[in-house]
C-alpha atoms as a PDB file:
ATOM      1  CA  MET A   1      -0.051   0.174   0.185  1.00  0.00           C
ATOM      2  CA  ILE A   2       1.270   3.482  -0.866  1.00  0.00           C
ATOM      3  CA  ALA A   3       0.758   6.300   1.886  1.00  0.00           C
ATOM      4  CA  ILE A   4       0.487   9.654   0.050  1.00  0.00           C
ATOM      5  CA  LEU A   5       1.283  12.839   2.528  1.00  0.00           C
ATOM      6  CA  GLN A   6      -1.155  15.799   2.139  1.00  0.00           C
ATOM      7  CA  PHE A   7      -0.143  19.026   3.771  1.00  0.00           C
ATOM      8  CA  ALA A   8      -2.197  22.431   3.656  1.00  0.00           C
ATOM      9  CA  GLY A   9      -0.906  23.734   0.261  1.00  0.00           C
ATOM     10  CA  THR A  10      -0.268  20.114  -1.399  1.00  0.00           C
ATOM     11  CA  ASN A  11      -1.473  20.094  -4.801  1.00  0.00           C
ATOM     12  CA  CYS A  12      -0.281  16.879  -6.488  1.00  0.00           C
ATOM     13  CA  GLU A  13      -1.364  14.358  -3.990  1.00  0.00           C
ATOM     14  CA  TYR A  14      -4.188  13.287  -6.681  1.00  0.00           C
ATOM     15  CA  ASP A  15      -1.865  13.213  -9.699  1.00  0.00           C
ATOM     16  CA  THR A  16       0.326  11.226  -7.589  1.00  0.00           C
ATOM     17  CA  LYS A  17      -2.776   8.574  -6.328  1.00  0.00           C
ATOM     18  CA  TYR A  18      -3.875   8.458 -10.019  1.00  0.00           C
ATOM     19  CA  ALA A  19      -0.484   7.609 -11.346  1.00  0.00           C
ATOM     20  CA  PHE A  20       0.296   4.660  -8.866  1.00  0.00           C
ATOM     21  CA  GLU A  21      -3.574   3.532  -9.205  1.00  0.00           C
ATOM     22  CA  LYS A  22      -2.966   3.254 -12.836  1.00  0.00           C
ATOM     23  CA  LEU A  23      -0.159   1.089 -12.168  1.00  0.00           C
ATOM     24  CA  GLY A  24      -2.721  -0.883 -10.219  1.00  0.00           C
ATOM     25  CA  GLN A  25      -1.520  -0.249  -6.795  1.00  0.00           C
ATOM     26  CA  LYS A  26      -3.833   0.682  -3.421  1.00  0.00           C
ATOM     27  CA  CYS A  27      -3.060   4.303  -2.242  1.00  0.00           C
ATOM     28  CA  GLU A  28      -4.389   6.076   0.731  1.00  0.00           C
ATOM     29  CA  LEU A  29      -4.156  10.206   1.311  1.00  0.00           C
ATOM     30  CA  ILE A  30      -2.640  10.621   4.777  1.00  0.00           C
ATOM     31  CA  TRP A  31      -3.013  14.183   6.253  1.00  0.00           C
ATOM     32  CA  HIS A  32      -0.374  15.735   7.651  1.00  0.00           C
ATOM     33  CA  LYS A  33      -1.491  15.970  11.382  1.00  0.00           C
ATOM     34  CA  ASN A  34      -1.933  12.306  11.561  1.00  0.00           C
ATOM     35  CA  ASP A  35       0.391  10.704  14.033  1.00  0.00           C
ATOM     36  CA  LYS A  36       0.495   7.047  12.118  1.00  0.00           C
ATOM     37  CA  LEU A  37       0.846   5.842   8.606  1.00  0.00           C
ATOM     38  CA  PRO A  38      -1.174   2.511   7.807  1.00  0.00           C
ATOM     39  CA  GLU A  39       0.274  -0.623   9.306  1.00  0.00           C
ATOM     40  CA  ASN A  40       0.673  -2.219   5.733  1.00  0.00           C
ATOM     41  CA  THR A  41       2.433   0.862   4.232  1.00  0.00           C
ATOM     42  CA  ASP A  42       5.203  -0.241   1.569  1.00  0.00           C
ATOM     43  CA  LEU A  43       5.930   3.405   0.096  1.00  0.00           C
ATOM     44  CA  VAL A  44       5.208   6.746   1.480  1.00  0.00           C
ATOM     45  CA  VAL A  45       5.311   9.529  -0.865  1.00  0.00           C
ATOM     46  CA  VAL A  46       5.712  13.043  -0.133  1.00  0.00           C
ATOM     47  CA  PRO A  47       3.937  14.981  -3.154  1.00  0.00           C
ATOM     48  CA  GLY A  48       4.698  18.312  -4.851  1.00  0.00           C
ATOM     49  CA  GLY A  49       2.762  21.365  -4.088  1.00  0.00           C
ATOM     50  CA  PHE A  50       3.516  24.470  -1.844  1.00  0.00           C
ATOM     51  CA  SER A  51       3.101  23.075   1.852  1.00  0.00           C
ATOM     52  CA  TYR A  52       2.271  25.928   4.050  1.00  0.00           C
ATOM     53  CA  GLY A  53       2.472  28.699   1.130  1.00  0.00           C
ATOM     54  CA  ASP A  54       6.266  27.742   0.968  1.00  0.00           C
ATOM     55  CA  TYR A  55       6.584  30.430   3.740  1.00  0.00           C
ATOM     56  CA  LEU A  56       9.904  30.768   5.426  1.00  0.00           C
ATOM     57  CA  ARG A  57      11.924  28.147   3.445  1.00  0.00           C
ATOM     58  CA  SER A  58       9.984  25.270   1.003  1.00  0.00           C
ATOM     59  CA  GLY A  59       9.628  22.557   3.380  1.00  0.00           C
ATOM     60  CA  ALA A  60      10.888  24.325   6.500  1.00  0.00           C
ATOM     61  CA  ILE A  61       7.196  24.438   8.207  1.00  0.00           C
ATOM     62  CA  ALA A  62       6.153  20.973   6.896  1.00  0.00           C
ATOM     63  CA  ARG A  63       8.795  19.082   8.586  1.00  0.00           C
ATOM     64  CA  PHE A  64       7.324  19.868  11.857  1.00  0.00           C
ATOM     65  CA  SER A  65       4.246  18.305  11.105  1.00  0.00           C
ATOM     66  CA  PRO A  66       3.334  15.299  13.193  1.00  0.00           C
ATOM     67  CA  ILE A  67       3.173  12.694  10.617  1.00  0.00           C
ATOM     68  CA  MET A  68       6.938  13.488   9.644  1.00  0.00           C
ATOM     69  CA  LYS A  69       8.105  12.031  12.713  1.00  0.00           C
ATOM     70  CA  GLU A  70       6.204   8.652  11.874  1.00  0.00           C
ATOM     71  CA  VAL A  71       8.251   9.307   8.071  1.00  0.00           C
ATOM     72  CA  VAL A  72      11.667   9.728   9.624  1.00  0.00           C
ATOM     73  CA  LYS A  73      10.806   6.496  11.804  1.00  0.00           C
ATOM     74  CA  PHE A  74       9.657   4.716   8.728  1.00  0.00           C
ATOM     75  CA  ALA A  75      12.714   5.724   6.777  1.00  0.00           C
ATOM     76  CA  ASN A  76      15.363   4.989   9.356  1.00  0.00           C
ATOM     77  CA  SER A  77      13.659   1.312   9.780  1.00  0.00           C
ATOM     78  CA  GLY A  78      14.334   0.851   5.844  1.00  0.00           C
ATOM     79  CA  GLY A  79      10.746   1.744   4.575  1.00  0.00           C
ATOM     80  CA  ASN A  80      10.852   3.340   1.164  1.00  0.00           C
ATOM     81  CA  VAL A  81      10.117   6.997   0.866  1.00  0.00           C
ATOM     82  CA  LEU A  82       9.854   9.007  -2.214  1.00  0.00           C
ATOM     83  CA  GLY A  83       9.671  13.068  -2.131  1.00  0.00           C
ATOM     84  CA  ILE A  84       8.879  14.669  -5.435  1.00  0.00           C
ATOM     85  CA  CYS A  85       9.416  18.566  -5.922  1.00  0.00           C
ATOM     86  CA  ASN A  86       8.133  20.189  -2.791  1.00  0.00           C
ATOM     87  CA  GLY A  87       8.034  16.728  -1.259  1.00  0.00           C
ATOM     88  CA  PHE A  88      12.007  16.475  -2.079  1.00  0.00           C
ATOM     89  CA  GLN A  89      12.435  20.104  -0.381  1.00  0.00           C
ATOM     90  CA  ILE A  90      10.283  18.592   2.847  1.00  0.00           C
ATOM     91  CA  LEU A  91      12.828  15.640   3.020  1.00  0.00           C
ATOM     92  CA  VAL A  92      16.034  17.602   2.692  1.00  0.00           C
ATOM     93  CA  GLU A  93      14.361  19.934   5.752  1.00  0.00           C
ATOM     94  CA  SER A  94      13.714  16.732   7.749  1.00  0.00           C
ATOM     95  CA  HIS A  95      17.523  15.603   7.040  1.00  0.00           C
ATOM     96  CA  LEU A  96      16.254  12.733   5.623  1.00  0.00           C
ATOM     97  CA  LEU A  97      18.310  13.560   2.475  1.00  0.00           C
ATOM     98  CA  PRO A  98      21.690  15.567   2.150  1.00  0.00           C
ATOM     99  CA  GLY A  99      22.216  19.071   0.825  1.00  0.00           C
ATOM    100  CA  ALA A 100      19.979  22.216   0.801  1.00  0.00           C
ATOM    101  CA  MET A 101      17.336  24.074  -1.653  1.00  0.00           C
ATOM    102  CA  LYS A 102      17.714  27.613  -2.959  1.00  0.00           C
ATOM    103  CA  ARG A 103      15.974  29.749  -5.320  1.00  0.00           C
ATOM    104  CA  ASN A 104      16.316  29.111  -9.002  1.00  0.00           C
ATOM    105  CA  ASP A 105      19.244  31.218 -10.406  1.00  0.00           C
ATOM    106  CA  ASN A 106      16.697  33.348 -12.570  1.00  0.00           C
ATOM    107  CA  LEU A 107      14.584  33.737  -9.262  1.00  0.00           C
ATOM    108  CA  HIS A 108      11.488  32.590 -11.717  1.00  0.00           C
ATOM    109  CA  PHE A 109       9.201  29.762 -11.385  1.00  0.00           C
ATOM    110  CA  ILE A 110       9.943  27.229 -13.885  1.00  0.00           C
ATOM    111  CA  SER A 111       7.155  25.001 -15.624  1.00  0.00           C
ATOM    112  CA  LYS A 112       8.369  22.958 -18.351  1.00  0.00           C
ATOM    113  CA  PHE A 113       9.209  19.479 -19.896  1.00  0.00           C
ATOM    114  CA  HIS A 114      12.885  19.182 -19.458  1.00  0.00           C
ATOM    115  CA  LYS A 115      15.423  16.155 -19.864  1.00  0.00           C
ATOM    116  CA  LEU A 116      16.982  14.113 -17.320  1.00  0.00           C
ATOM    117  CA  LYS A 117      19.833  11.767 -17.549  1.00  0.00           C
ATOM    118  CA  VAL A 118      19.727   8.571 -15.134  1.00  0.00           C
ATOM    119  CA  VAL A 119      23.429   8.575 -13.261  1.00  0.00           C
ATOM    120  CA  SER A 120      22.649   5.643 -11.059  1.00  0.00           C
ATOM    121  CA  ASN A 121      20.014   2.741 -11.513  1.00  0.00           C
ATOM    122  CA  ASN A 122      21.677   1.012  -8.534  1.00  0.00           C
ATOM    123  CA  ASN A 123      18.579   1.406  -6.280  1.00  0.00           C
ATOM    124  CA  LYS A 124      14.823   0.619  -6.413  1.00  0.00           C
ATOM    125  CA  PHE A 125      13.295   3.784  -7.827  1.00  0.00           C
ATOM    126  CA  LEU A 126      15.607   3.575 -10.881  1.00  0.00           C
ATOM    127  CA  ARG A 127      16.434  -0.099 -11.220  1.00  0.00           C
ATOM    128  CA  LEU A 128      13.980  -0.530 -14.583  1.00  0.00           C
ATOM    129  CA  LEU A 129      15.877   2.205 -16.264  1.00  0.00           C
ATOM    130  CA  SER A 130      19.550   2.190 -17.811  1.00  0.00           C
ATOM    131  CA  ASN A 131      22.390   4.349 -16.794  1.00  0.00           C
ATOM    132  CA  ASN A 132      22.649   7.246 -19.055  1.00  0.00           C
ATOM    133  CA  GLU A 133      18.967   6.633 -20.421  1.00  0.00           C
ATOM    134  CA  ILE A 134      17.569  10.234 -21.296  1.00  0.00           C
ATOM    135  CA  LEU A 135      14.137  10.859 -20.040  1.00  0.00           C
ATOM    136  CA  ASN A 136      11.599  13.730 -20.690  1.00  0.00           C
ATOM    137  CA  ILE A 137       9.917  14.611 -17.291  1.00  0.00           C
ATOM    138  CA  PRO A 138       8.084  18.023 -16.324  1.00  0.00           C
ATOM    139  CA  ILE A 139       9.671  20.202 -13.916  1.00  0.00           C
ATOM    140  CA  ALA A 140       7.753  23.137 -11.995  1.00  0.00           C
ATOM    141  CA  HIS A 141       9.220  24.775  -9.334  1.00  0.00           C
ATOM    142  CA  ALA A 142      10.812  28.017  -7.544  1.00  0.00           C
ATOM    143  CA  GLU A 143      13.352  26.702  -5.250  1.00  0.00           C
ATOM    144  CA  GLY A 144      14.979  23.712  -7.242  1.00  0.00           C
ATOM    145  CA  ASN A 145      18.285  24.771  -6.882  1.00  0.00           C
ATOM    146  CA  PHE A 146      19.955  21.986  -5.121  1.00  0.00           C
ATOM    147  CA  TYR A 147      23.099  22.948  -3.123  1.00  0.00           C
ATOM    148  CA  ILE A 148      25.926  21.072  -1.508  1.00  0.00           C
ATOM    149  CA  ASN A 149      29.344  21.846  -0.714  1.00  0.00           C
ATOM    150  CA  GLU A 150      32.204  20.084  -2.377  1.00  0.00           C
ATOM    151  CA  ASP A 151      32.766  17.551   0.329  1.00  0.00           C
ATOM    152  CA  GLY A 152      29.477  16.614   0.081  1.00  0.00           C
ATOM    153  CA  LEU A 153      29.462  16.267  -3.540  1.00  0.00           C
ATOM    154  CA  LYS A 154      32.189  13.939  -3.306  1.00  0.00           C
ATOM    155  CA  GLU A 155      30.432  11.814  -0.755  1.00  0.00           C
ATOM    156  CA  LEU A 156      27.405  11.825  -3.199  1.00  0.00           C
ATOM    157  CA  TYR A 157      29.123  10.664  -6.111  1.00  0.00           C
ATOM    158  CA  ASP A 158      31.304   8.026  -3.862  1.00  0.00           C
ATOM    159  CA  ASN A 159      28.080   6.302  -2.451  1.00  0.00           C
ATOM    160  CA  GLU A 160      26.093   6.461  -5.753  1.00  0.00           C
ATOM    161  CA  GLN A 161      23.714   8.821  -4.203  1.00  0.00           C
ATOM    162  CA  VAL A 162      23.370  11.264  -7.408  1.00  0.00           C
ATOM    163  CA  ILE A 163      20.512   9.471  -9.649  1.00  0.00           C
ATOM    164  CA  LEU A 164      19.698  12.031 -11.906  1.00  0.00           C
ATOM    165  CA  LYS A 165      20.743  14.848 -13.710  1.00  0.00           C
ATOM    166  CA  TYR A 166      19.443  17.762 -16.048  1.00  0.00           C
ATOM    167  CA  CYS A 167      20.647  17.519 -19.527  1.00  0.00           C
ATOM    168  CA  ASP A 168      19.675  18.240 -23.162  1.00  0.00           C
ATOM    169  CA  ASP A 169      18.543  15.714 -25.953  1.00  0.00           C
ATOM    170  CA  ASN A 170      21.909  14.501 -26.361  1.00  0.00           C
ATOM    171  CA  GLY A 171      22.511  13.882 -22.570  1.00  0.00           C
ATOM    172  CA  CYS A 172      24.816  16.827 -21.924  1.00  0.00           C
ATOM    173  CA  GLU A 173      24.096  18.990 -19.312  1.00  0.00           C
ATOM    174  CA  LEU A 174      21.613  21.687 -19.520  1.00  0.00           C
ATOM    175  CA  ASN A 175      20.748  23.374 -16.038  1.00  0.00           C
ATOM    176  CA  PRO A 176      17.536  24.802 -15.585  1.00  0.00           C
ATOM    177  CA  ASN A 177      17.897  26.195 -12.163  1.00  0.00           C
ATOM    178  CA  GLY A 178      21.562  26.534 -10.873  1.00  0.00           C
ATOM    179  CA  ALA A 179      21.661  23.282  -8.726  1.00  0.00           C
ATOM    180  CA  THR A 180      24.990  22.016  -7.987  1.00  0.00           C
ATOM    181  CA  ASP A 181      26.814  19.740 -10.794  1.00  0.00           C
ATOM    182  CA  SER A 182      23.115  20.119 -12.609  1.00  0.00           C
ATOM    183  CA  ILE A 183      21.651  17.406  -9.896  1.00  0.00           C
ATOM    184  CA  ALA A 184      17.980  16.836 -10.326  1.00  0.00           C
ATOM    185  CA  GLY A 185      17.682  13.706  -7.919  1.00  0.00           C
ATOM    186  CA  VAL A 186      19.583  12.403  -5.047  1.00  0.00           C
ATOM    187  CA  CYS A 187      18.910   9.287  -2.665  1.00  0.00           C
ATOM    188  CA  ASN A 188      19.881   8.611   0.863  1.00  0.00           C
ATOM    189  CA  LYS A 189      23.259   6.367   1.553  1.00  0.00           C
ATOM    190  CA  THR A 190      21.215   3.454   2.493  1.00  0.00           C
ATOM    191  CA  LYS A 191      19.079   3.818  -0.864  1.00  0.00           C
ATOM    192  CA  ASN A 192      15.676   3.701   0.723  1.00  0.00           C
ATOM    193  CA  VAL A 193      14.792   7.713   0.646  1.00  0.00           C
ATOM    194  CA  PHE A 194      14.666   9.491  -2.601  1.00  0.00           C
ATOM    195  CA  GLY A 195      14.176  13.074  -3.876  1.00  0.00           C
ATOM    196  CA  LEU A 196      13.901  14.622  -7.181  1.00  0.00           C
ATOM    197  CA  MET A 197      12.451  17.825  -8.182  1.00  0.00           C
ATOM    198  CA  PRO A 198      10.866  16.776 -11.672  1.00  0.00           C
ATOM    199  CA  HIS A 199       7.329  15.282 -11.461  1.00  0.00           C
ATOM    200  CA  PRO A 200       7.311  11.558 -12.634  1.00  0.00           C
ATOM    201  CA  GLU A 201       3.727  11.536 -11.781  1.00  0.00           C
ATOM    202  CA  ARG A 202       3.074  14.089 -14.589  1.00  0.00           C
ATOM    203  CA  ALA A 203       4.529  11.815 -17.180  1.00  0.00           C
ATOM    204  CA  ILE A 204       2.204   8.475 -17.623  1.00  0.00           C
ATOM    205  CA  ASP A 205       0.160   9.422 -20.541  1.00  0.00           C
ATOM    206  CA  ASN A 206       1.164  10.022 -23.780  1.00  0.00           C
ATOM    207  CA  GLU A 207      -1.919  12.463 -24.337  1.00  0.00           C
ATOM    208  CA  ILE A 208       0.125  15.053 -21.836  1.00  0.00           C
ATOM    209  CA  GLY A 209       3.615  14.571 -23.434  1.00  0.00           C
ATOM    210  CA  SER A 210       5.331  11.752 -22.060  1.00  0.00           C
ATOM    211  CA  ILE A 211       5.113   8.286 -20.171  1.00  0.00           C
ATOM    212  CA  ASP A 212       8.691   8.268 -19.195  1.00  0.00           C
ATOM    213  CA  GLY A 213       7.550   8.524 -15.654  1.00  0.00           C
ATOM    214  CA  ILE A 214       5.967   5.107 -15.743  1.00  0.00           C
ATOM    215  CA  ASN A 215       9.325   2.894 -15.324  1.00  0.00           C
ATOM    216  CA  MET A 216      10.324   5.572 -12.583  1.00  0.00           C
ATOM    217  CA  LEU A 217       7.579   5.031 -10.455  1.00  0.00           C
ATOM    218  CA  LYS A 218       7.023   1.082 -11.246  1.00  0.00           C
ATOM    219  CA  GLY A 219      10.745   0.897  -9.943  1.00  0.00           C
ATOM    220  CA  PHE A 220       9.068   0.779  -6.434  1.00  0.00           C
ATOM    221  CA  LEU A 221       6.554  -2.118  -7.284  1.00  0.00           C
ATOM    222  CA  ASN A 222       7.364  -5.960  -6.768  1.00  0.00           C
END
């Protein structure tokens, strides 16, 4: 069962639910004031949106919601957690993922399809994809500028924690927001917590531009 969190200001929970239900999965929306996850939870998804209106920093208030204590406990016990866009920001603020988020370099909200390159498929999330495979996935964010210092960046690469990078049609780096080393997605050291700024749940129907998100989300399914 997939538990999809819902905060005040979340706006991608129903897209995420639709995507996983299309893949045959049972989903349940979990309000952020709950202090328990369903007992049969296999995956927690922290979806995109503007939790608490992105006051302070994106995700900085949501990390203190009661459900996040349970998510931290779930992750630390080996449970799979996926943060998409604002969800990625919340996981960073909760210290489940390394780094920090800054405003996009151009200080504007960006909303468009953008190419991604798979950097490491040595994890459950991207196991159905090939390294260097190029994907077409929408992005929609104002604070997608992932930052980490030089030592932290080296550690990410040493542990295969960089999983996705922004690129062009040919796989060459094309950075839309100023993120360190064009990083679009990372995981934790134990490879059970994942965060990415692009929206795979918006890339599951050809009618809306791409189905490249399907094999990303299917990676979590047995």
